[in-house]
Amino acid sequence: MRLFNLKVNGQEYRVEAPADVTLLELLREYLGLTGTKEGCGKGECGACTVLLDGRAVNSCLIPAAKAEGAEVLTIEGLAAPDGKLHPLQEAFITEGAVQCGFCTPGMILSAKAFLDSNPHPSREEIKVALAGNLCRCTGYTKIITAVEKAASIMAGAHHGG
């Protein structure tokens, strides 16, 4: 066992867990943050995507020790403290981009990291950015449209509108 000191969704945690625990396991099993999903366990599906210092990572591949000293953002930390949803969450809802919902947290966090670095993407750039996130239910069209809508809303918010 090992003591982990982590900052997740703006909150400091001290957690005792096995030394070889993955970030995904630590989030789900030790912190109870189950919004991050385990899909393939091999870094191929994107269901476990979280942001590590603003960068989208597959938490199933990251040893929890690598997250020490970093900022971890999960889907639970994306909404504002008052409960107001992030524009990406709103857009996924209004555009019907959620079906079973299993891929949604990872998809939204991948999209957030992407939009933070590219606030005015083309549809093709969005497709490439989300290529590491698999969805078994949709044809991706509504997901891509939702990311386009959120990008527009977020860009407007940054310019006083």
N, C-alpha and C. Protein backbone atom coordinates (compact mmCIF):
# COMPACT_ATOMS: atom_id res chain seq x y z
N MET A 1 0.84 -1.19 0.00
CA MET A 1 0.00 0.00 0.00
C MET A 1 0.88 1.25 0.00
N ARG A 2 0.30 2.32 -0.52
CA ARG A 2 1.04 3.57 -0.67
C ARG A 2 0.07 4.73 -0.45
N LEU A 3 0.57 5.84 0.03
CA LEU A 3 -0.26 7.02 0.21
C LEU A 3 -0.12 7.91 -1.02
N PHE A 4 -1.24 8.25 -1.64
CA PHE A 4 -1.27 9.12 -2.82
C PHE A 4 -1.83 10.47 -2.41
N ASN A 5 -1.18 11.53 -2.87
CA ASN A 5 -1.66 12.90 -2.66
C ASN A 5 -2.06 13.43 -4.03
N LEU A 6 -3.34 13.65 -4.22
CA LEU A 6 -3.86 14.05 -5.53
C LEU A 6 -4.76 15.27 -5.42
N LYS A 7 -4.79 16.04 -6.51
CA LYS A 7 -5.75 17.13 -6.62
C LYS A 7 -6.70 16.76 -7.76
N VAL A 8 -7.94 16.49 -7.40
CA VAL A 8 -8.94 16.06 -8.37
C VAL A 8 -10.12 17.01 -8.29
N ASN A 9 -10.47 17.58 -9.44
CA ASN A 9 -11.61 18.52 -9.52
C ASN A 9 -11.47 19.65 -8.51
N GLY A 10 -10.24 20.09 -8.33
CA GLY A 10 -9.97 21.22 -7.45
C GLY A 10 -9.89 20.88 -5.97
N GLN A 11 -10.06 19.62 -5.63
CA GLN A 11 -10.05 19.20 -4.23
C GLN A 11 -8.83 18.32 -3.96
N GLU A 12 -8.19 18.54 -2.81
CA GLU A 12 -7.03 17.73 -2.41
C GLU A 12 -7.50 16.43 -1.78
N TYR A 13 -6.85 15.32 -2.15
CA TYR A 13 -7.15 14.02 -1.58
C TYR A 13 -5.86 13.35 -1.12
N ARG A 14 -5.95 12.63 0.00
CA ARG A 14 -4.89 11.75 0.47
C ARG A 14 -5.54 10.37 0.54
N VAL A 15 -5.04 9.44 -0.26
CA VAL A 15 -5.68 8.14 -0.40
C VAL A 15 -4.64 7.04 -0.28
N GLU A 16 -4.96 6.03 0.52
CA GLU A 16 -4.10 4.86 0.60
C GLU A 16 -4.63 3.82 -0.37
N ALA A 17 -3.74 3.33 -1.24
CA ALA A 17 -4.12 2.36 -2.25
C ALA A 17 -2.88 1.56 -2.64
N PRO A 18 -3.06 0.45 -3.36
CA PRO A 18 -1.89 -0.30 -3.82
C PRO A 18 -0.98 0.59 -4.67
N ALA A 19 0.32 0.38 -4.54
CA ALA A 19 1.30 1.23 -5.24
C ALA A 19 1.13 1.19 -6.75
N ASP A 20 0.62 0.08 -7.29
CA ASP A 20 0.52 -0.06 -8.75
C ASP A 20 -0.86 0.29 -9.30
N VAL A 21 -1.70 0.95 -8.49
CA VAL A 21 -3.06 1.29 -8.93
C VAL A 21 -3.01 2.28 -10.09
N THR A 22 -3.94 2.12 -11.03
CA THR A 22 -4.01 3.09 -12.13
C THR A 22 -4.83 4.29 -11.68
N LEU A 23 -4.68 5.39 -12.40
CA LEU A 23 -5.47 6.57 -12.10
C LEU A 23 -6.96 6.24 -12.20
N LEU A 24 -7.35 5.46 -13.19
CA LEU A 24 -8.76 5.05 -13.34
C LEU A 24 -9.26 4.33 -12.10
N GLU A 25 -8.51 3.35 -11.62
CA GLU A 25 -8.91 2.59 -10.43
C GLU A 25 -9.00 3.49 -9.21
N LEU A 26 -8.03 4.38 -9.07
CA LEU A 26 -8.02 5.28 -7.92
C LEU A 26 -9.26 6.18 -7.93
N LEU A 27 -9.57 6.74 -9.10
CA LEU A 27 -10.73 7.62 -9.22
C LEU A 27 -12.03 6.88 -8.90
N ARG A 28 -12.20 5.71 -9.51
CA ARG A 28 -13.46 4.98 -9.38
C ARG A 28 -13.58 4.27 -8.03
N GLU A 29 -12.57 3.51 -7.67
CA GLU A 29 -12.68 2.60 -6.52
C GLU A 29 -12.31 3.24 -5.19
N TYR A 30 -11.44 4.24 -5.21
CA TYR A 30 -10.98 4.83 -3.95
C TYR A 30 -11.60 6.22 -3.70
N LEU A 31 -11.92 6.95 -4.77
CA LEU A 31 -12.52 8.28 -4.59
C LEU A 31 -14.02 8.28 -4.90
N GLY A 32 -14.54 7.19 -5.46
CA GLY A 32 -15.96 7.10 -5.76
C GLY A 32 -16.41 7.96 -6.93
N LEU A 33 -15.46 8.38 -7.76
CA LEU A 33 -15.79 9.20 -8.94
C LEU A 33 -16.01 8.26 -10.12
N THR A 34 -17.23 7.77 -10.23
CA THR A 34 -17.52 6.72 -11.20
C THR A 34 -17.96 7.24 -12.57
N GLY A 35 -17.92 8.55 -12.76
CA GLY A 35 -18.25 9.09 -14.08
C GLY A 35 -17.23 8.67 -15.12
N THR A 36 -15.99 8.47 -14.70
CA THR A 36 -14.94 7.98 -15.59
C THR A 36 -15.17 6.49 -15.75
N LYS A 37 -15.33 6.05 -17.00
CA LYS A 37 -15.70 4.66 -17.27
C LYS A 37 -14.51 3.81 -17.68
N GLU A 38 -14.59 2.51 -17.35
CA GLU A 38 -13.59 1.56 -17.86
C GLU A 38 -14.21 0.83 -19.03
N GLY A 39 -13.59 1.01 -20.20
CA GLY A 39 -14.06 0.32 -21.39
C GLY A 39 -13.15 -0.85 -21.69
N CYS A 40 -12.10 -0.59 -22.46
CA CYS A 40 -11.22 -1.65 -22.92
C CYS A 40 -10.09 -1.96 -21.94
N GLY A 41 -9.70 -0.99 -21.12
CA GLY A 41 -8.58 -1.19 -20.20
C GLY A 41 -7.23 -1.19 -20.89
N LYS A 42 -7.20 -0.82 -22.17
CA LYS A 42 -5.97 -0.86 -22.97
C LYS A 42 -5.67 0.47 -23.65
N GLY A 43 -6.41 1.53 -23.32
CA GLY A 43 -6.16 2.83 -23.92
C GLY A 43 -6.64 2.98 -25.34
N GLU A 44 -7.58 2.13 -25.75
CA GLU A 44 -8.03 2.16 -27.15
C GLU A 44 -9.42 2.74 -27.36
N CYS A 45 -10.23 2.89 -26.28
CA CYS A 45 -11.62 3.29 -26.50
C CYS A 45 -11.95 4.71 -26.03
N GLY A 46 -11.15 5.26 -25.12
CA GLY A 46 -11.36 6.63 -24.65
C GLY A 46 -12.42 6.80 -23.58
N ALA A 47 -13.06 5.72 -23.14
CA ALA A 47 -14.12 5.84 -22.13
C ALA A 47 -13.57 6.36 -20.80
N CYS A 48 -12.30 6.15 -20.54
CA CYS A 48 -11.69 6.53 -19.27
C CYS A 48 -10.96 7.87 -19.34
N THR A 49 -11.19 8.64 -20.39
CA THR A 49 -10.48 9.90 -20.56
C THR A 49 -10.76 10.88 -19.43
N VAL A 50 -9.68 11.42 -18.89
CA VAL A 50 -9.74 12.52 -17.92
C VAL A 50 -8.70 13.54 -18.39
N LEU A 51 -8.73 14.73 -17.79
CA LEU A 51 -7.72 15.72 -18.11
C LEU A 51 -6.67 15.72 -17.01
N LEU A 52 -5.42 15.63 -17.42
CA LEU A 52 -4.28 15.67 -16.52
C LEU A 52 -3.50 16.91 -16.90
N ASP A 53 -3.54 17.92 -16.03
CA ASP A 53 -2.97 19.24 -16.35
C ASP A 53 -3.49 19.75 -17.69
N GLY A 54 -4.79 19.55 -17.94
CA GLY A 54 -5.44 20.07 -19.13
C GLY A 54 -5.30 19.22 -20.37
N ARG A 55 -4.55 18.13 -20.27
CA ARG A 55 -4.32 17.26 -21.41
C ARG A 55 -5.17 16.00 -21.28
N ALA A 56 -5.86 15.61 -22.35
CA ALA A 56 -6.69 14.41 -22.33
C ALA A 56 -5.79 13.18 -22.27
N VAL A 57 -6.04 12.31 -21.29
CA VAL A 57 -5.27 11.08 -21.15
C VAL A 57 -6.22 9.92 -20.87
N ASN A 58 -5.78 8.72 -21.24
CA ASN A 58 -6.51 7.50 -20.91
C ASN A 58 -6.10 7.10 -19.51
N SER A 59 -6.99 7.30 -18.54
CA SER A 59 -6.62 7.05 -17.15
C SER A 59 -6.35 5.58 -16.85
N CYS A 60 -6.78 4.68 -17.73
CA CYS A 60 -6.50 3.25 -17.53
C CYS A 60 -5.03 2.93 -17.75
N LEU A 61 -4.32 3.82 -18.44
CA LEU A 61 -2.90 3.59 -18.74
C LEU A 61 -1.96 4.37 -17.83
N ILE A 62 -2.50 5.27 -17.03
CA ILE A 62 -1.68 6.17 -16.22
C ILE A 62 -1.55 5.61 -14.80
N PRO A 63 -0.31 5.34 -14.35
CA PRO A 63 -0.17 4.96 -12.93
C PRO A 63 -0.61 6.15 -12.08
N ALA A 64 -1.35 5.88 -11.01
CA ALA A 64 -1.85 6.96 -10.16
C ALA A 64 -0.71 7.84 -9.66
N ALA A 65 0.45 7.27 -9.44
CA ALA A 65 1.60 8.04 -8.95
C ALA A 65 1.97 9.17 -9.92
N LYS A 66 1.72 8.97 -11.21
CA LYS A 66 2.04 10.01 -12.20
C LYS A 66 1.12 11.22 -12.08
N ALA A 67 -0.01 11.06 -11.40
CA ALA A 67 -0.96 12.16 -11.25
C ALA A 67 -0.65 13.02 -10.02
N GLU A 68 0.27 12.58 -9.20
CA GLU A 68 0.62 13.38 -8.02
C GLU A 68 1.26 14.68 -8.47
N GLY A 69 0.82 15.78 -7.87
CA GLY A 69 1.34 17.09 -8.24
C GLY A 69 0.70 17.68 -9.48
N ALA A 70 -0.24 16.95 -10.08
CA ALA A 70 -0.93 17.42 -11.29
C ALA A 70 -2.38 17.75 -10.94
N GLU A 71 -3.02 18.47 -11.84
CA GLU A 71 -4.46 18.76 -11.72
C GLU A 71 -5.21 17.71 -12.54
N VAL A 72 -6.09 16.98 -11.88
CA VAL A 72 -6.91 15.98 -12.56
C VAL A 72 -8.33 16.54 -12.64
N LEU A 73 -8.91 16.50 -13.83
CA LEU A 73 -10.29 16.91 -14.02
C LEU A 73 -11.08 15.73 -14.56
N THR A 74 -12.15 15.36 -13.83
CA THR A 74 -13.04 14.30 -14.29
C THR A 74 -14.36 14.96 -14.69
N ILE A 75 -15.26 14.18 -15.24
CA ILE A 75 -16.56 14.70 -15.66
C ILE A 75 -17.30 15.31 -14.48
N GLU A 76 -17.08 14.78 -13.27
CA GLU A 76 -17.77 15.32 -12.09
C GLU A 76 -17.33 16.75 -11.78
N GLY A 77 -16.14 17.14 -12.22
CA GLY A 77 -15.63 18.47 -11.93
C GLY A 77 -15.83 19.48 -13.04
N LEU A 78 -16.51 19.09 -14.11
CA LEU A 78 -16.63 19.97 -15.27
C LEU A 78 -17.70 21.05 -15.08
N ALA A 79 -18.80 20.71 -14.46
CA ALA A 79 -19.85 21.71 -14.23
C ALA A 79 -19.35 22.76 -13.24
N ALA A 80 -19.96 23.92 -13.26
CA ALA A 80 -19.59 25.00 -12.33
C ALA A 80 -20.00 24.59 -10.91
N PRO A 81 -19.35 25.18 -9.90
CA PRO A 81 -19.70 24.84 -8.52
C PRO A 81 -21.19 25.01 -8.20
N ASP A 82 -21.86 25.93 -8.90
CA ASP A 82 -23.29 26.14 -8.65
C ASP A 82 -24.17 25.12 -9.39
N GLY A 83 -23.52 24.18 -10.10
CA GLY A 83 -24.26 23.14 -10.80
C GLY A 83 -24.55 23.45 -12.26
N LYS A 84 -24.23 24.68 -12.70
CA LYS A 84 -24.44 25.04 -14.11
C LYS A 84 -23.55 24.17 -14.99
N LEU A 85 -24.16 23.52 -15.97
CA LEU A 85 -23.40 22.64 -16.84
C LEU A 85 -22.44 23.41 -17.73
N HIS A 86 -21.35 22.75 -18.08
CA HIS A 86 -20.38 23.29 -19.04
C HIS A 86 -21.06 23.33 -20.41
N PRO A 87 -20.69 24.28 -21.27
CA PRO A 87 -21.29 24.34 -22.61
C PRO A 87 -21.22 23.01 -23.38
N LEU A 88 -20.18 22.23 -23.18
CA LEU A 88 -20.11 20.92 -23.84
C LEU A 88 -21.20 19.99 -23.32
N GLN A 89 -21.41 19.99 -22.02
CA GLN A 89 -22.46 19.14 -21.45
C GLN A 89 -23.82 19.58 -21.98
N GLU A 90 -24.07 20.88 -21.98
CA GLU A 90 -25.34 21.42 -22.50
C GLU A 90 -25.54 21.02 -23.96
N ALA A 91 -24.50 21.18 -24.76
CA ALA A 91 -24.60 20.89 -26.19
C ALA A 91 -24.85 19.41 -26.44
N PHE A 92 -24.21 18.54 -25.67
CA PHE A 92 -24.45 17.10 -25.84
C PHE A 92 -25.90 16.77 -25.56
N ILE A 93 -26.49 17.46 -24.59
CA ILE A 93 -27.90 17.22 -24.26
C ILE A 93 -28.80 17.78 -25.36
N THR A 94 -28.62 19.05 -25.71
CA THR A 94 -29.53 19.69 -26.66
C THR A 94 -29.41 19.11 -28.06
N GLU A 95 -28.24 18.61 -28.42
CA GLU A 95 -28.05 18.04 -29.76
C GLU A 95 -28.35 16.54 -29.81
N GLY A 96 -28.73 15.96 -28.68
CA GLY A 96 -29.05 14.53 -28.66
C GLY A 96 -27.83 13.66 -28.92
N ALA A 97 -26.66 14.11 -28.43
CA ALA A 97 -25.41 13.39 -28.68
C ALA A 97 -25.15 12.30 -27.65
N VAL A 98 -26.13 12.04 -26.78
CA VAL A 98 -25.99 11.02 -25.75
C VAL A 98 -27.00 9.92 -26.02
N GLN A 99 -26.52 8.70 -26.12
CA GLN A 99 -27.47 7.58 -26.22
C GLN A 99 -27.31 6.75 -24.97
N CYS A 100 -26.47 5.72 -24.97
CA CYS A 100 -26.33 4.94 -23.74
C CYS A 100 -25.56 5.74 -22.68
N GLY A 101 -24.71 6.68 -23.11
CA GLY A 101 -24.00 7.55 -22.19
C GLY A 101 -22.65 7.03 -21.73
N PHE A 102 -22.31 5.80 -22.07
CA PHE A 102 -21.06 5.22 -21.56
C PHE A 102 -19.83 5.98 -22.05
N CYS A 103 -19.81 6.40 -23.30
CA CYS A 103 -18.64 7.10 -23.86
C CYS A 103 -18.67 8.59 -23.56
N THR A 104 -19.80 9.10 -23.11
CA THR A 104 -20.00 10.55 -23.01
C THR A 104 -18.99 11.28 -22.14
N PRO A 105 -18.69 10.83 -20.91
CA PRO A 105 -17.72 11.57 -20.11
C PRO A 105 -16.36 11.71 -20.80
N GLY A 106 -15.85 10.61 -21.34
CA GLY A 106 -14.56 10.66 -22.03
C GLY A 106 -14.62 11.51 -23.28
N MET A 107 -15.73 11.42 -24.00
CA MET A 107 -15.91 12.21 -25.23
C MET A 107 -15.90 13.71 -24.88
N ILE A 108 -16.64 14.08 -23.85
CA ILE A 108 -16.73 15.49 -23.45
C ILE A 108 -15.38 16.02 -22.97
N LEU A 109 -14.66 15.23 -22.19
CA LEU A 109 -13.36 15.70 -21.70
C LEU A 109 -12.33 15.78 -22.82
N SER A 110 -12.37 14.85 -23.76
CA SER A 110 -11.48 14.95 -24.93
C SER A 110 -11.81 16.22 -25.71
N ALA A 111 -13.10 16.48 -25.88
CA ALA A 111 -13.53 17.67 -26.61
C ALA A 111 -13.11 18.94 -25.88
N LYS A 112 -13.19 18.94 -24.55
CA LYS A 112 -12.78 20.12 -23.78
C LYS A 112 -11.31 20.41 -23.98
N ALA A 113 -10.46 19.39 -23.84
CA ALA A 113 -9.01 19.58 -24.03
C ALA A 113 -8.74 20.11 -25.43
N PHE A 114 -9.44 19.56 -26.41
CA PHE A 114 -9.27 19.99 -27.79
C PHE A 114 -9.70 21.45 -27.99
N LEU A 115 -10.89 21.80 -27.50
CA LEU A 115 -11.39 23.17 -27.68
C LEU A 115 -10.57 24.18 -26.90
N ASP A 116 -9.99 23.76 -25.78
CA ASP A 116 -9.12 24.67 -25.03
C ASP A 116 -7.89 25.06 -25.86
N SER A 117 -7.43 24.14 -26.71
CA SER A 117 -6.25 24.43 -27.54
C SER A 117 -6.62 24.90 -28.95
N ASN A 118 -7.86 24.65 -29.37
CA ASN A 118 -8.31 25.04 -30.71
C ASN A 118 -9.77 25.51 -30.61
N PRO A 119 -9.98 26.78 -30.22
CA PRO A 119 -11.34 27.26 -29.98
C PRO A 119 -12.21 27.42 -31.23
N HIS A 120 -11.62 27.41 -32.41
CA HIS A 120 -12.39 27.60 -33.65
C HIS A 120 -12.09 26.46 -34.63
N PRO A 121 -12.46 25.24 -34.26
CA PRO A 121 -12.09 24.09 -35.11
C PRO A 121 -13.03 23.90 -36.30
N SER A 122 -12.50 23.24 -37.31
CA SER A 122 -13.35 22.80 -38.42
C SER A 122 -13.98 21.47 -38.02
N ARG A 123 -15.01 21.07 -38.74
CA ARG A 123 -15.66 19.79 -38.48
C ARG A 123 -14.66 18.64 -38.60
N GLU A 124 -13.79 18.74 -39.58
CA GLU A 124 -12.77 17.70 -39.80
C GLU A 124 -11.79 17.63 -38.63
N GLU A 125 -11.39 18.79 -38.10
CA GLU A 125 -10.48 18.82 -36.95
C GLU A 125 -11.14 18.19 -35.73
N ILE A 126 -12.44 18.40 -35.56
CA ILE A 126 -13.17 17.79 -34.44
C ILE A 126 -13.15 16.27 -34.60
N LYS A 127 -13.40 15.78 -35.81
CA LYS A 127 -13.39 14.34 -36.06
C LYS A 127 -12.05 13.73 -35.68
N VAL A 128 -10.97 14.39 -36.09
CA VAL A 128 -9.62 13.89 -35.79
C VAL A 128 -9.36 13.92 -34.28
N ALA A 129 -9.78 15.01 -33.62
CA ALA A 129 -9.55 15.16 -32.18
C ALA A 129 -10.28 14.08 -31.37
N LEU A 130 -11.43 13.63 -31.85
CA LEU A 130 -12.22 12.65 -31.11
C LEU A 130 -11.98 11.21 -31.59
N ALA A 131 -11.04 11.03 -32.49
CA ALA A 131 -10.79 9.71 -33.07
C ALA A 131 -10.42 8.65 -32.04
N GLY A 132 -9.87 9.05 -30.90
CA GLY A 132 -9.50 8.09 -29.86
C GLY A 132 -10.65 7.72 -28.93
N ASN A 133 -11.83 8.27 -29.18
CA ASN A 133 -13.00 7.99 -28.34
C ASN A 133 -14.03 7.23 -29.17
N LEU A 134 -14.28 6.00 -28.77
CA LEU A 134 -15.22 5.16 -29.52
C LEU A 134 -16.62 5.25 -28.93
N CYS A 135 -17.60 5.25 -29.82
CA CYS A 135 -19.00 5.24 -29.42
C CYS A 135 -19.65 4.10 -30.19
N ARG A 136 -20.30 3.22 -29.47
CA ARG A 136 -20.95 2.06 -30.10
C ARG A 136 -22.39 2.35 -30.51
N CYS A 137 -22.96 3.45 -30.02
CA CYS A 137 -24.38 3.70 -30.23
C CYS A 137 -24.69 4.69 -31.35
N THR A 138 -23.85 5.70 -31.51
CA THR A 138 -24.18 6.76 -32.46
C THR A 138 -23.35 6.65 -33.72
N GLY A 139 -23.70 7.43 -34.70
CA GLY A 139 -22.91 7.54 -35.91
C GLY A 139 -21.95 8.71 -35.82
N TYR A 140 -21.76 9.25 -34.62
CA TYR A 140 -20.86 10.37 -34.32
C TYR A 140 -21.37 11.72 -34.83
N THR A 141 -22.33 11.75 -35.73
CA THR A 141 -22.78 13.02 -36.32
C THR A 141 -23.26 13.99 -35.25
N LYS A 142 -24.11 13.53 -34.35
CA LYS A 142 -24.65 14.41 -33.32
C LYS A 142 -23.56 14.83 -32.32
N ILE A 143 -22.60 13.95 -32.08
CA ILE A 143 -21.48 14.27 -31.19
C ILE A 143 -20.67 15.40 -31.80
N ILE A 144 -20.33 15.28 -33.06
CA ILE A 144 -19.53 16.30 -33.74
C ILE A 144 -20.30 17.63 -33.79
N THR A 145 -21.59 17.56 -34.07
CA THR A 145 -22.43 18.76 -34.08
C THR A 145 -22.46 19.41 -32.70
N ALA A 146 -22.54 18.59 -31.65
CA ALA A 146 -22.55 19.11 -30.28
C ALA A 146 -21.24 19.83 -29.96
N VAL A 147 -20.12 19.27 -30.40
CA VAL A 147 -18.82 19.92 -30.16
C VAL A 147 -18.74 21.22 -30.94
N GLU A 148 -19.26 21.23 -32.17
CA GLU A 148 -19.30 22.48 -32.95
C GLU A 148 -20.12 23.54 -32.22
N LYS A 149 -21.28 23.15 -31.72
CA LYS A 149 -22.15 24.08 -31.01
C LYS A 149 -21.47 24.62 -29.76
N ALA A 150 -20.85 23.74 -28.99
CA ALA A 150 -20.15 24.16 -27.77
C ALA A 150 -19.00 25.10 -28.11
N ALA A 151 -18.27 24.82 -29.18
CA ALA A 151 -17.16 25.68 -29.59
C ALA A 151 -17.68 27.08 -29.88
N SER A 152 -18.81 27.15 -30.56
CA SER A 152 -19.42 28.43 -30.88
C SER A 152 -19.84 29.19 -29.62
N ILE A 153 -20.47 28.47 -28.70
CA ILE A 153 -20.91 29.08 -27.44
C ILE A 153 -19.70 29.55 -26.63
N MET A 154 -18.68 28.68 -26.54
CA MET A 154 -17.49 29.01 -25.75
C MET A 154 -16.72 30.18 -26.37
N ALA A 155 -16.65 30.23 -27.68
CA ALA A 155 -15.98 31.34 -28.36
C ALA A 155 -16.71 32.64 -28.09
N GLY A 156 -18.04 32.56 -28.11
CA GLY A 156 -18.86 33.74 -27.82
C GLY A 156 -18.67 34.22 -26.41
N ALA A 157 -18.54 33.28 -25.48
CA ALA A 157 -18.36 33.65 -24.07
C ALA A 157 -17.03 34.34 -23.85
N HIS A 158 -16.01 33.99 -24.64
CA HIS A 158 -14.69 34.58 -24.48
C HIS A 158 -14.62 35.99 -25.08
N HIS A 159 -15.61 36.34 -25.90
CA HIS A 159 -15.60 37.65 -26.55
C HIS A 159 -16.74 38.53 -26.05
N GLY A 160 -17.07 38.35 -24.78
CA GLY A 160 -18.08 39.21 -24.17
C GLY A 160 -19.51 38.92 -24.59
N GLY A 161 -19.77 37.85 -25.32
CA GLY A 161 -21.14 37.58 -25.75
C GLY A 161 -21.54 36.27 -25.38
